[in-house]
Amino acid sequence: MLEDYRIVGRRASDIAASVEAGVGSGALAPGTLLPPMRELAGVLGVNPNTVAAAYRTLRERGVIETDGRRGSRVRPRPSSTPRDAPPMTVPAGVRDIAAGNPDVALLPALDGALAAAARRYAQAPTLYGEDPVVPDLARLARAAFDAEGVPAGPVAVTSGALDGIERVLSAHLRPGDAVAVEDPGWGSVLDLVPALGLRILPVAVDDDGPVAEAVAGALADGARALLVTSRAQNPTGAVLGEARARELRDVLARYPEVLLIEDDHGHSFVDLPLRTLGGVTRKWALIRSTAKAYGPDLRLAVLTGDEVTLDRVRGRQRLGQGWVSRLLQYAVVELWTSGAVDRAAVARAYGVRRDGLVEALRERGVRAYGRSGMNVWVPVADETGAVTRLLGAGWAVAAGARFRVETGPAVRLTVSQVAPAEVPGLADAVAAAVRPEASGVRYV
């Protein structure tokens, strides 16, 4: 309780350090309401602007969160602590379907692509001052965007999807701004947003993606950005359908200054069409990672968007890492042009496992979700109990707490490591673990 801890300091940095020390020691528990700025300024004998600067620093570090007139509170946990920390220890003999990894057998071999990239590099080594985006990669990415109806815009390259999302958010938003985020949604995004000092406004999700009414509510509540997963939504497998995309465009049209970020998570391993929302608002970006289809160690994503957003992203990138290795870019060009991944075959392989598990669970009275991608989301009554019982049955699954804000408890199962013949046994284990009462729970 705050009554048991005295905040001290005369400078903003000292006041912030005092609060952080209290949080670190446990004296300021998660959820503790901090004094109003003027009140604390009076106690400390400093200018209110000094306290305001301290609180701003604490927000930027992810120590506290501010909700308008409701004041500032200690965040539930430090923003530097990922949702999956400490990582689950998988005992010997237990199958790990929690990590979210793709099936290695469906990933292309990289030796040929990397060798081709090395030969190309040998002919023209990359030096400072060159274009940060390999022209061939930009051309191929832009052609794919055009073919799928993505509005015209420049192309940038980042070190994966999360890096791209962070750069786009940072290009327009400042600490304290609110971001509408899918709930349940990608745990890394749910970590990233508060780590940037931003506030999460959770948006309900169903099989067709973000619910339009929930998005409208978040934007009306002041969200300055909206994050949408187009396909293979993690963790639910949702896909933005044509009707839902139309509804969301209508909502976004009323908020032209909102920043829209689309994460095309299912690119190259999902065969359902992209329904882009890009161009409805003035500020937008669409991001595609190579990780799931070509390999997690290929830390590369391409993105496009409006001119201002992409100019800010590339400008800030120049002041940091400068560019994503052109060797990696050459390798991706080789992978794309050689047809290294049979998109339809990969989508079919994951679909057989995913759809088979969803149907097997339905036959056993358990409701599960997974329209695309490699994950199945199963609402449960007791999340900890379900995870523990499945671990005892030989299956390590991900606790839903890693992916949710306000939605109910659930578990996520990644089917990429599951052979079709194993689906019935896994369904039996899940049905026994989650109990029949979970079958009627919806994740929206």
Protein backbone atom coordinates (compact mmCIF):
# COMPACT_ATOMS: atom_id res chain seq x y z
CA MET A 1 0.00 0.00 0.00
CA LEU A 2 1.19 3.54 -0.75
CA GLU A 3 0.57 4.52 2.88
CA ASP A 4 3.46 2.24 3.81
CA TYR A 5 5.90 3.67 1.29
CA ARG A 6 7.26 7.19 1.10
CA ILE A 7 8.12 8.59 -2.33
CA VAL A 8 11.11 10.93 -2.09
CA GLY A 9 13.17 13.16 -4.35
CA ARG A 10 13.56 16.73 -5.50
CA ARG A 11 14.35 16.09 -9.14
CA ALA A 12 12.19 14.23 -11.65
CA SER A 13 14.82 11.52 -12.04
CA ASP A 14 15.02 11.01 -8.27
CA ILE A 15 11.24 10.82 -7.89
CA ALA A 16 11.01 8.28 -10.72
CA ALA A 17 13.84 6.25 -9.18
CA SER A 18 12.06 6.28 -5.82
CA VAL A 19 8.87 4.89 -7.35
CA GLU A 20 10.82 2.27 -9.30
CA ALA A 21 12.61 1.22 -6.11
CA GLY A 22 9.26 0.77 -4.40
CA VAL A 23 7.94 -1.31 -7.27
CA GLY A 24 11.09 -3.40 -7.38
CA SER A 25 11.02 -4.13 -3.65
CA GLY A 26 7.33 -4.97 -3.67
CA ALA A 27 6.43 -2.05 -1.41
CA LEU A 28 4.36 -0.57 -4.27
CA ALA A 29 2.23 -3.48 -5.37
CA PRO A 30 0.70 -3.84 -8.85
CA GLY A 31 -2.41 -1.70 -9.09
CA THR A 32 -1.30 0.78 -6.41
CA LEU A 33 -2.71 4.23 -7.14
CA LEU A 34 -0.05 6.93 -7.07
CA PRO A 35 -0.80 10.37 -5.60
CA PRO A 36 -2.12 13.05 -7.95
CA MET A 37 0.75 15.12 -9.32
CA ARG A 38 -0.15 18.32 -7.48
CA GLU A 39 -0.63 16.45 -4.22
CA LEU A 40 2.75 14.74 -4.44
CA ALA A 41 4.39 18.00 -5.51
CA GLY A 42 3.05 19.62 -2.36
CA VAL A 43 4.37 16.83 -0.14
CA LEU A 44 7.80 16.96 -1.76
CA GLY A 45 7.92 20.75 -2.03
CA VAL A 46 8.58 20.76 -5.78
CA ASN A 47 6.92 22.18 -8.86
CA PRO A 48 4.04 20.01 -10.22
CA ASN A 49 5.86 19.97 -13.56
CA THR A 50 8.68 18.07 -11.88
CA VAL A 51 6.30 15.34 -10.74
CA ALA A 52 4.67 15.33 -14.16
CA ALA A 53 8.09 14.71 -15.73
CA ALA A 54 8.75 11.87 -13.27
CA TYR A 55 5.42 10.23 -14.06
CA ARG A 56 6.09 10.60 -17.77
CA THR A 57 9.44 8.83 -17.36
CA LEU A 58 7.76 6.03 -15.42
CA ARG A 59 5.14 5.60 -18.15
CA GLU A 60 7.82 5.46 -20.83
CA ARG A 61 9.64 2.77 -18.86
CA GLY A 62 6.43 0.79 -18.48
CA VAL A 63 6.42 1.04 -14.67
CA ILE A 64 3.08 2.83 -14.37
CA GLU A 65 0.03 3.39 -16.53
CA THR A 66 -2.18 6.46 -16.62
CA ASP A 67 -5.90 6.41 -17.35
CA GLY A 68 -6.97 10.03 -17.62
CA ARG A 69 -8.78 11.33 -14.55
CA ARG A 70 -8.57 7.92 -12.90
CA GLY A 71 -4.95 8.63 -12.18
CA SER A 72 -1.71 6.69 -12.44
CA ARG A 73 -1.23 3.16 -11.13
CA VAL A 74 1.61 0.70 -10.89
CA ARG A 75 1.36 -1.66 -13.85
CA PRO A 76 0.42 -5.30 -13.20
CA ARG A 77 3.99 -6.31 -14.04
CA PRO A 78 7.12 -4.67 -15.42
CA SER A 79 6.97 -4.08 -19.17
CA SER A 80 10.35 -5.74 -19.53
CA THR A 81 8.92 -9.04 -18.30
CA PRO A 82 7.56 -11.03 -21.26
CA ARG A 83 4.30 -12.88 -20.83
CA ASP A 84 5.99 -16.23 -21.26
CA ALA A 85 8.61 -15.63 -18.57
CA PRO A 86 9.77 -17.73 -16.91
CA PRO A 87 9.59 -20.12 -19.87
CA MET A 88 7.78 -23.40 -19.38
CA THR A 89 10.04 -26.32 -18.58
CA VAL A 90 8.94 -29.26 -20.71
CA PRO A 91 9.75 -32.55 -18.96
CA ALA A 92 11.35 -35.37 -20.89
CA GLY A 93 8.81 -37.40 -22.80
CA VAL A 94 6.28 -34.55 -22.99
CA ARG A 95 5.32 -33.16 -26.42
CA ASP A 96 5.79 -29.40 -26.69
CA ILE A 97 2.89 -27.82 -28.58
CA ALA A 98 3.15 -24.55 -26.68
CA ALA A 99 6.04 -22.72 -28.32
CA GLY A 100 4.26 -21.71 -31.53
CA ASN A 101 6.96 -22.96 -33.85
CA PRO A 102 6.29 -24.04 -37.45
CA ASP A 103 6.84 -27.58 -38.67
CA VAL A 104 10.53 -27.78 -39.59
CA ALA A 105 9.68 -30.34 -42.28
CA LEU A 106 7.58 -27.69 -44.06
CA LEU A 107 10.33 -25.05 -44.01
CA PRO A 108 12.57 -24.71 -47.07
CA ALA A 109 16.27 -25.52 -46.93
CA LEU A 110 18.24 -22.27 -46.67
CA ASP A 111 21.65 -23.45 -47.84
CA GLY A 112 20.97 -22.81 -51.51
CA ALA A 113 19.40 -19.40 -50.91
CA LEU A 114 22.22 -18.31 -48.59
CA ALA A 115 24.85 -19.55 -51.02
CA ALA A 116 23.20 -17.57 -53.81
CA ALA A 117 23.10 -14.52 -51.54
CA ALA A 118 26.80 -14.92 -50.75
CA ARG A 119 27.67 -15.13 -54.45
CA ARG A 120 25.67 -12.00 -55.15
CA TYR A 121 27.34 -10.21 -52.25
CA ALA A 122 30.77 -11.24 -53.52
CA GLN A 123 30.06 -9.49 -56.81
CA ALA A 124 28.93 -6.26 -55.10
CA PRO A 125 29.67 -6.04 -51.34
CA THR A 126 27.27 -3.83 -49.38
CA LEU A 127 28.82 -0.56 -48.21
CA TYR A 128 27.55 2.39 -46.22
CA GLY A 129 25.22 4.76 -48.00
CA GLU A 130 23.51 2.22 -50.25
CA ASP A 131 19.76 1.81 -50.60
CA PRO A 132 18.60 -0.01 -47.43
CA VAL A 133 16.14 -2.08 -49.46
CA VAL A 134 17.38 -4.40 -52.20
CA PRO A 135 15.57 -3.25 -55.37
CA ASP A 136 14.63 -6.82 -56.36
CA LEU A 137 13.05 -7.41 -52.95
CA ALA A 138 11.13 -4.14 -53.10
CA ARG A 139 9.88 -4.98 -56.59
CA LEU A 140 8.73 -8.47 -55.64
CA ALA A 141 7.08 -7.27 -52.43
CA ARG A 142 5.30 -4.42 -54.17
CA ALA A 143 4.07 -6.70 -56.96
CA ALA A 144 2.59 -9.07 -54.37
CA PHE A 145 0.95 -6.18 -52.53
CA ASP A 146 -0.53 -4.89 -55.80
CA ALA A 147 -1.89 -8.32 -56.70
CA GLU A 148 -3.78 -8.49 -53.41
CA GLY A 149 -5.28 -5.02 -53.52
CA VAL A 150 -2.96 -3.31 -51.05
CA PRO A 151 -2.87 0.44 -51.80
CA ALA A 152 0.21 1.90 -53.43
CA GLY A 153 3.06 2.89 -51.17
CA PRO A 154 6.81 2.59 -50.66
CA VAL A 155 8.42 -0.54 -49.24
CA ALA A 156 10.62 -0.85 -46.16
CA VAL A 157 12.35 -3.84 -44.57
CA THR A 158 12.53 -4.51 -40.82
CA SER A 159 13.92 -7.24 -38.61
CA GLY A 160 10.67 -9.17 -38.34
CA ALA A 161 7.03 -8.23 -37.81
CA LEU A 162 7.38 -7.06 -34.21
CA ASP A 163 10.21 -4.72 -35.14
CA GLY A 164 8.02 -3.29 -37.89
CA ILE A 165 5.06 -2.83 -35.54
CA GLU A 166 7.25 -1.08 -32.99
CA ARG A 167 8.69 1.28 -35.58
CA VAL A 168 5.28 2.20 -36.99
CA LEU A 169 3.82 2.82 -33.54
CA SER A 170 6.82 4.94 -32.56
CA ALA A 171 6.53 6.93 -35.78
CA HIS A 172 3.21 8.46 -34.73
CA LEU A 173 2.37 7.77 -31.09
CA ARG A 174 3.73 9.07 -27.81
CA PRO A 175 3.66 7.64 -24.27
CA GLY A 176 0.18 7.78 -22.83
CA ASP A 177 -1.60 7.27 -26.16
CA ALA A 178 -4.08 4.41 -26.38
CA VAL A 179 -3.85 1.53 -28.86
CA ALA A 180 -6.74 -0.78 -29.78
CA VAL A 181 -5.36 -4.34 -29.68
CA GLU A 182 -7.01 -7.69 -30.37
CA ASP A 183 -8.03 -9.63 -27.26
CA PRO A 184 -7.03 -12.42 -27.33
CA GLY A 185 -4.03 -11.51 -29.42
CA TRP A 186 -0.32 -11.90 -29.99
CA GLY A 187 1.41 -11.90 -26.60
CA SER A 188 4.45 -10.03 -27.91
CA VAL A 189 2.24 -7.13 -29.01
CA LEU A 190 0.52 -7.13 -25.64
CA ASP A 191 4.01 -6.76 -24.13
CA LEU A 192 5.27 -4.23 -26.66
CA VAL A 193 2.47 -1.68 -26.35
CA PRO A 194 2.94 -0.95 -22.62
CA ALA A 195 6.72 -1.19 -23.01
CA LEU A 196 6.43 1.83 -25.32
CA GLY A 197 4.45 3.67 -22.64
CA LEU A 198 1.19 3.21 -24.55
CA ARG A 199 -2.15 2.07 -23.17
CA ILE A 200 -3.98 -1.03 -24.38
CA LEU A 201 -7.67 -0.85 -25.23
CA PRO A 202 -8.67 -4.50 -25.77
CA VAL A 203 -10.86 -5.35 -28.75
CA ALA A 204 -12.90 -8.55 -28.85
CA VAL A 205 -12.17 -11.10 -31.58
CA ASP A 206 -14.27 -13.81 -33.20
CA ASP A 207 -13.65 -16.15 -36.16
CA ASP A 208 -13.83 -13.21 -38.60
CA GLY A 209 -11.34 -11.02 -36.76
CA PRO A 210 -11.86 -7.91 -34.62
CA VAL A 211 -15.53 -7.32 -33.81
CA ALA A 212 -16.63 -4.08 -35.49
CA GLU A 213 -18.64 -2.86 -32.50
CA ALA A 214 -15.66 -3.40 -30.22
CA VAL A 215 -13.36 -1.51 -32.58
CA ALA A 216 -15.85 1.35 -32.77
CA GLY A 217 -15.98 1.47 -28.98
CA ALA A 218 -12.19 1.57 -28.62
CA LEU A 219 -11.85 4.32 -31.20
CA ALA A 220 -14.61 6.30 -29.53
CA ASP A 221 -12.71 5.91 -26.25
CA GLY A 222 -9.70 7.61 -27.78
CA ALA A 223 -7.56 4.87 -29.34
CA ARG A 224 -5.08 6.52 -31.65
CA ALA A 225 -4.04 3.29 -33.36
CA LEU A 226 -5.61 -0.05 -34.27
CA LEU A 227 -3.70 -3.30 -34.75
CA VAL A 228 -5.39 -5.96 -36.90
CA THR A 229 -4.18 -9.45 -37.81
CA SER A 230 -5.36 -10.26 -41.32
CA ARG A 231 -4.95 -14.05 -41.37
CA ALA A 232 -3.88 -16.88 -39.04
CA GLN A 233 -4.47 -14.66 -36.02
CA ASN A 234 -2.37 -15.71 -33.07
CA PRO A 235 -3.77 -17.37 -30.98
CA THR A 236 -7.28 -17.94 -32.38
CA GLY A 237 -6.66 -18.54 -36.09
CA ALA A 238 -9.19 -15.85 -37.03
CA VAL A 239 -9.32 -14.59 -40.62
CA LEU A 240 -10.59 -11.19 -41.66
CA GLY A 241 -13.48 -12.00 -43.99
CA GLU A 242 -15.00 -9.82 -46.69
CA ALA A 243 -18.09 -8.81 -44.68
CA ARG A 244 -16.08 -8.02 -41.54
CA ALA A 245 -13.53 -6.06 -43.54
CA ARG A 246 -16.35 -3.98 -44.99
CA GLU A 247 -17.72 -3.28 -41.51
CA LEU A 248 -14.30 -2.26 -40.23
CA ARG A 249 -13.70 0.03 -43.20
CA ASP A 250 -16.97 1.78 -42.38
CA VAL A 251 -15.85 2.24 -38.76
CA LEU A 252 -12.37 3.46 -39.71
CA ALA A 253 -13.80 5.92 -42.22
CA ARG A 254 -15.21 7.84 -39.23
CA TYR A 255 -11.72 8.13 -37.71
CA PRO A 256 -9.40 9.14 -40.59
CA GLU A 257 -6.55 10.18 -38.25
CA VAL A 258 -6.28 6.77 -36.57
CA LEU A 259 -3.10 4.83 -37.31
CA LEU A 260 -3.92 1.41 -38.79
CA ILE A 261 -1.39 -1.42 -38.60
CA GLU A 262 -2.17 -4.69 -40.36
CA ASP A 263 -0.09 -7.75 -39.50
CA ASP A 264 -0.45 -10.24 -42.35
CA HIS A 265 0.67 -13.07 -40.11
CA GLY A 266 -0.54 -15.80 -42.45
CA HIS A 267 1.39 -14.69 -45.54
CA SER A 268 2.82 -17.66 -47.48
CA PHE A 269 1.42 -20.37 -45.21
CA VAL A 270 -2.32 -19.60 -45.41
CA ASP A 271 -4.27 -19.93 -48.65
CA LEU A 272 -7.21 -17.70 -47.69
CA PRO A 273 -7.32 -14.27 -49.40
CA LEU A 274 -6.07 -11.08 -47.81
CA ARG A 275 -8.77 -8.51 -46.98
CA THR A 276 -6.81 -5.34 -46.46
CA LEU A 277 -8.11 -2.26 -44.66
CA GLY A 278 -5.20 -0.11 -45.81
CA GLY A 279 -5.88 3.30 -47.22
CA VAL A 280 -9.10 3.96 -45.30
CA THR A 281 -7.19 6.13 -42.82
CA ARG A 282 -4.45 8.61 -43.67
CA LYS A 283 -1.81 6.72 -41.65
CA TRP A 284 -1.49 3.00 -42.24
CA ALA A 285 0.99 0.16 -42.66
CA LEU A 286 0.81 -3.51 -43.66
CA ILE A 287 3.56 -5.86 -42.47
CA ARG A 288 4.58 -9.30 -43.73
CA SER A 289 7.13 -11.49 -41.97
CA THR A 290 9.07 -14.37 -43.48
CA ALA A 291 9.36 -16.22 -40.15
CA LYS A 292 6.52 -18.75 -40.18
CA ALA A 293 6.79 -19.84 -43.81
CA TYR A 294 10.55 -19.63 -44.38
CA GLY A 295 12.09 -19.99 -40.91
CA PRO A 296 12.08 -18.04 -37.61
CA ASP A 297 15.78 -17.23 -37.97
CA LEU A 298 15.11 -15.22 -41.13
CA ARG A 299 14.57 -12.02 -39.17
CA LEU A 300 13.02 -10.10 -42.01
CA ALA A 301 9.66 -8.50 -42.75
CA VAL A 302 8.54 -6.25 -45.59
CA LEU A 303 6.06 -3.46 -45.03
CA THR A 304 4.29 -0.83 -47.00
CA GLY A 305 2.08 2.08 -46.05
CA ASP A 306 1.50 5.76 -46.58
CA GLU A 307 4.41 7.98 -47.58
CA VAL A 308 4.69 9.82 -44.25
CA THR A 309 4.66 6.67 -42.12
CA LEU A 310 7.23 4.86 -44.26
CA ASP A 311 9.45 7.94 -44.42
CA ARG A 312 9.46 8.15 -40.62
CA VAL A 313 10.13 4.44 -40.23
CA ARG A 314 13.05 4.49 -42.65
CA GLY A 315 14.42 7.72 -41.24
CA ARG A 316 14.48 6.41 -37.69
CA GLN A 317 15.91 3.12 -38.89
CA ARG A 318 18.86 4.98 -40.43
CA LEU A 319 19.66 6.41 -37.00
CA GLY A 320 19.69 2.94 -35.44
CA GLN A 321 20.59 -0.32 -37.12
CA GLY A 322 20.74 1.42 -40.52
CA TRP A 323 19.36 -1.45 -42.57
CA VAL A 324 18.47 -5.12 -42.45
CA SER A 325 21.34 -7.20 -43.82
CA ARG A 326 21.26 -7.23 -47.60
CA LEU A 327 22.56 -10.80 -47.41
CA LEU A 328 19.26 -11.77 -45.79
CA GLN A 329 17.38 -9.71 -48.36
CA TYR A 330 19.22 -11.48 -51.21
CA ALA A 331 18.34 -14.83 -49.61
CA VAL A 332 14.66 -13.95 -49.42
CA VAL A 333 14.68 -12.84 -53.05
CA GLU A 334 16.11 -16.25 -53.94
CA LEU A 335 13.48 -18.04 -51.85
CA TRP A 336 10.64 -16.07 -53.39
CA THR A 337 11.79 -16.39 -56.99
CA SER A 338 12.67 -20.10 -56.75
CA GLY A 339 9.28 -21.09 -55.36
CA ALA A 340 10.92 -22.67 -52.31
CA VAL A 341 7.60 -22.80 -50.45
CA ASP A 342 4.49 -24.40 -51.91
CA ARG A 343 1.97 -22.16 -50.19
CA ALA A 344 -1.03 -24.35 -50.99
CA ALA A 345 0.70 -27.51 -49.78
CA VAL A 346 1.84 -25.90 -46.52
CA ALA A 347 -1.63 -24.47 -45.87
CA ARG A 348 -3.16 -27.86 -46.58
CA ALA A 349 -0.74 -29.64 -44.22
CA TYR A 350 -1.53 -27.29 -41.34
CA GLY A 351 -5.24 -27.33 -42.21
CA VAL A 352 -5.53 -31.11 -41.97
CA ARG A 353 -4.11 -31.04 -38.44
CA ARG A 354 -5.92 -27.90 -37.28
CA ASP A 355 -9.34 -28.71 -38.72
CA GLY A 356 -9.00 -32.30 -37.61
CA LEU A 357 -8.36 -31.26 -34.01
CA VAL A 358 -11.18 -28.70 -33.98
CA GLU A 359 -13.61 -31.29 -35.32
CA ALA A 360 -12.37 -34.02 -32.96
CA LEU A 361 -12.86 -31.69 -30.00
CA ARG A 362 -16.34 -30.77 -31.21
CA GLU A 363 -17.23 -34.46 -31.31
CA ARG A 364 -16.08 -34.67 -27.68
CA GLY A 365 -18.19 -31.71 -26.59
CA VAL A 366 -15.37 -29.15 -26.45
CA ARG A 367 -15.64 -25.89 -28.36
CA ALA A 368 -12.41 -24.87 -30.12
CA TYR A 369 -11.42 -22.19 -32.62
CA GLY A 370 -8.95 -22.23 -35.50
CA ARG A 371 -10.00 -21.13 -38.97
CA SER A 372 -6.48 -20.77 -40.33
CA GLY A 373 -2.83 -21.08 -39.49
CA MET A 374 -1.26 -23.45 -37.01
CA ASN A 375 -2.98 -22.67 -33.70
CA VAL A 376 -6.13 -23.90 -31.98
CA TRP A 377 -7.68 -21.85 -29.16
CA VAL A 378 -9.69 -23.73 -26.54
CA PRO A 379 -11.66 -21.79 -23.91
CA VAL A 380 -11.54 -23.46 -20.50
CA ALA A 381 -13.04 -22.94 -17.07
CA ASP A 382 -9.75 -23.39 -15.21
CA GLU A 383 -6.68 -22.39 -17.20
CA THR A 384 -4.03 -23.51 -14.72
CA GLY A 385 -5.78 -26.79 -14.10
CA ALA A 386 -6.12 -27.52 -17.82
CA VAL A 387 -2.43 -26.82 -18.48
CA THR A 388 -1.39 -28.98 -15.54
CA ARG A 389 -3.63 -31.91 -16.50
CA LEU A 390 -2.45 -31.81 -20.11
CA LEU A 391 1.16 -31.76 -18.96
CA GLY A 392 0.41 -34.88 -16.95
CA ALA A 393 -1.11 -36.44 -20.07
CA GLY A 394 2.07 -35.79 -22.03
CA TRP A 395 1.23 -32.50 -23.79
CA ALA A 396 2.71 -29.09 -23.00
CA VAL A 397 0.29 -26.34 -24.12
CA ALA A 398 0.40 -22.57 -23.78
CA ALA A 399 -1.64 -20.91 -21.06
CA GLY A 400 -4.09 -18.40 -22.48
CA ALA A 401 -2.93 -15.71 -20.04
CA ARG A 402 -0.03 -15.05 -22.43
CA PHE A 403 -2.50 -13.85 -25.07
CA ARG A 404 -5.41 -12.15 -23.31
CA VAL A 405 -6.37 -9.00 -21.44
CA GLU A 406 -10.07 -9.19 -20.58
CA THR A 407 -11.25 -12.30 -22.40
CA GLY A 408 -11.80 -15.52 -20.46
CA PRO A 409 -9.29 -18.28 -19.69
CA ALA A 410 -8.18 -20.61 -22.48
CA VAL A 411 -5.26 -22.67 -23.75
CA ARG A 412 -3.45 -22.46 -27.09
CA LEU A 413 -2.34 -25.58 -28.95
CA THR A 414 0.09 -25.30 -31.87
CA VAL A 415 -0.71 -28.15 -34.25
CA SER A 416 2.45 -27.89 -36.36
CA GLN A 417 4.15 -30.57 -34.25
CA VAL A 418 1.13 -32.90 -34.30
CA ALA A 419 0.78 -35.65 -36.92
CA PRO A 420 -2.77 -36.29 -38.20
CA ALA A 421 -2.72 -39.77 -36.64
CA GLU A 422 -2.08 -38.20 -33.23
CA VAL A 423 -5.11 -35.90 -33.36
CA PRO A 424 -7.64 -38.31 -31.76
CA GLY A 425 -5.36 -38.99 -28.80
CA LEU A 426 -4.66 -35.30 -28.32
CA ALA A 427 -8.39 -34.53 -28.50
CA ASP A 428 -9.06 -37.15 -25.83
CA ALA A 429 -6.44 -35.56 -23.57
CA VAL A 430 -7.80 -32.05 -24.11
CA ALA A 431 -11.40 -33.13 -23.50
CA ALA A 432 -10.39 -34.81 -20.26
CA ALA A 433 -8.34 -31.79 -19.18
CA VAL A 434 -10.72 -28.93 -19.88
CA ARG A 435 -13.90 -30.54 -18.49
CA PRO A 436 -17.22 -30.43 -20.32
CA GLU A 437 -18.30 -27.12 -18.78
CA ALA A 438 -15.73 -25.28 -20.92
CA SER A 439 -17.43 -26.26 -24.17
CA GLY A 440 -19.96 -23.46 -24.13
CA VAL A 441 -17.50 -20.63 -23.43
CA ARG A 442 -16.83 -18.17 -26.26
CA TYR A 443 -13.63 -16.21 -26.50
CA VAL A 444 -15.42 -13.03 -27.48
